[in-house]
């Protein structure tokens, strides 16, 4: 088994992200000792944005969301996620 290299200290997440893009983690971490963990309370990072939409589209979205018993913003996120996944799969 090879000797693991020491993980450098990073000034910020961006610096760390750049490091791991260009370095193989197996040189720094013995993954055979890793354990699977669950974070049931962890929520994905969200960022609020402002988007202009035609009023009729918002109203129709609200009608659809009411039928599903969910907030219209949640339904919009669901629709966007499905479409983005579809577009990425089509590449």
C-alpha atoms as a PDB file:
ATOM      1  CA  UNK A   1       0.000   0.000   0.000  1.00  0.00           C
ATOM      2  CA  UNK A   2       1.360   3.381  -0.973  1.00  0.00           C
ATOM      3  CA  UNK A   3       1.867   6.168   1.546  1.00  0.00           C
ATOM      4  CA  UNK A   4      -0.874   8.751   1.495  1.00  0.00           C
ATOM      5  CA  UNK A   5       0.061  12.343   0.725  1.00  0.00           C
ATOM      6  CA  UNK A   6      -0.930  15.084   3.143  1.00  0.00           C
ATOM      7  CA  UNK A   7      -3.987  17.091   2.059  1.00  0.00           C
ATOM      8  CA  UNK A   8      -3.005  20.755   1.818  1.00  0.00           C
ATOM      9  CA  UNK A   9      -4.844  23.515   3.661  1.00  0.00           C
ATOM     10  CA  UNK A  10      -7.050  25.638   1.449  1.00  0.00           C
ATOM     11  CA  UNK A  11      -7.891  29.328   1.753  1.00  0.00           C
ATOM     12  CA  UNK A  12     -11.446  28.793   0.503  1.00  0.00           C
ATOM     13  CA  UNK A  13     -13.758  26.338  -1.241  1.00  0.00           C
ATOM     14  CA  UNK A  14     -12.829  27.610  -4.705  1.00  0.00           C
ATOM     15  CA  UNK A  15      -9.156  26.837  -4.098  1.00  0.00           C
ATOM     16  CA  UNK A  16     -10.062  23.366  -2.795  1.00  0.00           C
ATOM     17  CA  UNK A  17     -12.371  22.724  -5.762  1.00  0.00           C
ATOM     18  CA  UNK A  18      -9.565  23.586  -8.221  1.00  0.00           C
ATOM     19  CA  UNK A  19      -7.177  21.286  -6.358  1.00  0.00           C
ATOM     20  CA  UNK A  20      -9.464  18.236  -6.459  1.00  0.00           C
ATOM     21  CA  UNK A  21     -10.256  18.736 -10.138  1.00  0.00           C
ATOM     22  CA  UNK A  22      -6.585  18.220 -10.951  1.00  0.00           C
ATOM     23  CA  UNK A  23      -5.561  15.684  -8.268  1.00  0.00           C
ATOM     24  CA  UNK A  24      -6.516  12.048  -7.668  1.00  0.00           C
ATOM     25  CA  UNK A  25      -8.046  11.648  -4.204  1.00  0.00           C
ATOM     26  CA  UNK A  26      -6.728   8.074  -3.915  1.00  0.00           C
ATOM     27  CA  UNK A  27      -3.242   9.566  -3.438  1.00  0.00           C
ATOM     28  CA  UNK A  28      -4.529  11.425  -0.371  1.00  0.00           C
ATOM     29  CA  UNK A  29      -7.260   9.225   1.120  1.00  0.00           C
ATOM     30  CA  UNK A  30      -7.433   5.496   1.819  1.00  0.00           C
ATOM     31  CA  UNK A  31     -10.966   4.879   0.558  1.00  0.00           C
ATOM     32  CA  UNK A  32     -10.925   1.257   1.767  1.00  0.00           C
ATOM     33  CA  UNK A  33     -11.363   2.636   5.307  1.00  0.00           C
ATOM     34  CA  UNK A  34     -14.327   4.793   4.291  1.00  0.00           C
ATOM     35  CA  UNK A  35     -17.771   4.213   5.761  1.00  0.00           C
ATOM     36  CA  UNK A  36     -21.075   5.081   4.158  1.00  0.00           C
ATOM     37  CA  UNK A  37     -22.993   7.773   6.063  1.00  0.00           C
ATOM     38  CA  UNK A  38     -26.409   9.348   5.705  1.00  0.00           C
ATOM     39  CA  UNK A  39     -27.372  12.960   6.274  1.00  0.00           C
ATOM     40  CA  UNK A  40     -31.167  12.812   6.542  1.00  0.00           C
ATOM     41  CA  UNK A  41     -31.543  16.460   7.563  1.00  0.00           C
ATOM     42  CA  UNK A  42     -29.230  17.841   4.876  1.00  0.00           C
ATOM     43  CA  UNK A  43     -30.984  20.067   2.385  1.00  0.00           C
ATOM     44  CA  UNK A  44     -29.502  21.083  -0.963  1.00  0.00           C
ATOM     45  CA  UNK A  45     -28.206  24.622  -1.213  1.00  0.00           C
ATOM     46  CA  UNK A  46     -30.755  26.960  -2.674  1.00  0.00           C
ATOM     47  CA  UNK A  47     -30.422  30.429  -4.077  1.00  0.00           C
ATOM     48  CA  UNK A  48     -33.334  32.791  -4.517  1.00  0.00           C
ATOM     49  CA  UNK A  49     -33.690  34.247  -8.001  1.00  0.00           C
ATOM     50  CA  UNK A  50     -36.073  36.655  -9.633  1.00  0.00           C
ATOM     51  CA  UNK A  51     -37.676  35.658 -12.911  1.00  0.00           C
ATOM     52  CA  UNK A  52     -40.212  37.513 -15.021  1.00  0.00           C
ATOM     53  CA  UNK A  53     -43.039  35.367 -16.318  1.00  0.00           C
ATOM     54  CA  UNK A  54     -46.278  36.189 -18.100  1.00  0.00           C
ATOM     55  CA  UNK A  55     -49.168  36.506 -15.641  1.00  0.00           C
ATOM     56  CA  UNK A  56     -51.235  33.860 -17.466  1.00  0.00           C
ATOM     57  CA  UNK A  57     -48.390  31.335 -17.072  1.00  0.00           C
ATOM     58  CA  UNK A  58     -48.187  31.966 -13.340  1.00  0.00           C
ATOM     59  CA  UNK A  59     -51.958  31.547 -13.024  1.00  0.00           C
ATOM     60  CA  UNK A  60     -51.901  28.267 -14.961  1.00  0.00           C
ATOM     61  CA  UNK A  61     -49.005  27.049 -12.854  1.00  0.00           C
ATOM     62  CA  UNK A  62     -51.001  27.871  -9.705  1.00  0.00           C
ATOM     63  CA  UNK A  63     -53.985  25.907 -11.032  1.00  0.00           C
ATOM     64  CA  UNK A  64     -51.783  22.869 -11.715  1.00  0.00           C
ATOM     65  CA  UNK A  65     -50.085  23.135  -8.339  1.00  0.00           C
ATOM     66  CA  UNK A  66     -53.423  23.375  -6.509  1.00  0.00           C
ATOM     67  CA  UNK A  67     -54.544  20.155  -8.197  1.00  0.00           C
ATOM     68  CA  UNK A  68     -51.369  18.482  -6.924  1.00  0.00           C
ATOM     69  CA  UNK A  69     -51.620  20.047  -3.467  1.00  0.00           C
ATOM     70  CA  UNK A  70     -48.250  21.729  -3.558  1.00  0.00           C
ATOM     71  CA  UNK A  71     -46.890  25.300  -3.755  1.00  0.00           C
ATOM     72  CA  UNK A  72     -46.529  26.605  -7.301  1.00  0.00           C
ATOM     73  CA  UNK A  73     -42.845  27.456  -6.747  1.00  0.00           C
ATOM     74  CA  UNK A  74     -42.171  23.813  -5.864  1.00  0.00           C
ATOM     75  CA  UNK A  75     -43.988  22.647  -8.977  1.00  0.00           C
ATOM     76  CA  UNK A  76     -41.994  25.085 -11.095  1.00  0.00           C
ATOM     77  CA  UNK A  77     -38.724  23.735  -9.624  1.00  0.00           C
ATOM     78  CA  UNK A  78     -39.899  20.206 -10.367  1.00  0.00           C
ATOM     79  CA  UNK A  79     -40.716  21.104 -13.982  1.00  0.00           C
ATOM     80  CA  UNK A  80     -37.371  22.856 -14.445  1.00  0.00           C
ATOM     81  CA  UNK A  81     -35.419  19.949 -12.945  1.00  0.00           C
ATOM     82  CA  UNK A  82     -37.160  17.448 -15.224  1.00  0.00           C
ATOM     83  CA  UNK A  83     -36.469  19.553 -18.323  1.00  0.00           C
ATOM     84  CA  UNK A  84     -32.832  20.182 -17.443  1.00  0.00           C
ATOM     85  CA  UNK A  85     -32.322  16.444 -16.875  1.00  0.00           C
ATOM     86  CA  UNK A  86     -33.949  15.697 -20.238  1.00  0.00           C
ATOM     87  CA  UNK A  87     -31.823  18.265 -22.071  1.00  0.00           C
ATOM     88  CA  UNK A  88     -28.608  16.994 -20.496  1.00  0.00           C
ATOM     89  CA  UNK A  89     -29.485  13.401 -21.384  1.00  0.00           C
ATOM     90  CA  UNK A  90     -30.030  14.422 -25.021  1.00  0.00           C
ATOM     91  CA  UNK A  91     -26.459  15.668 -25.418  1.00  0.00           C
END
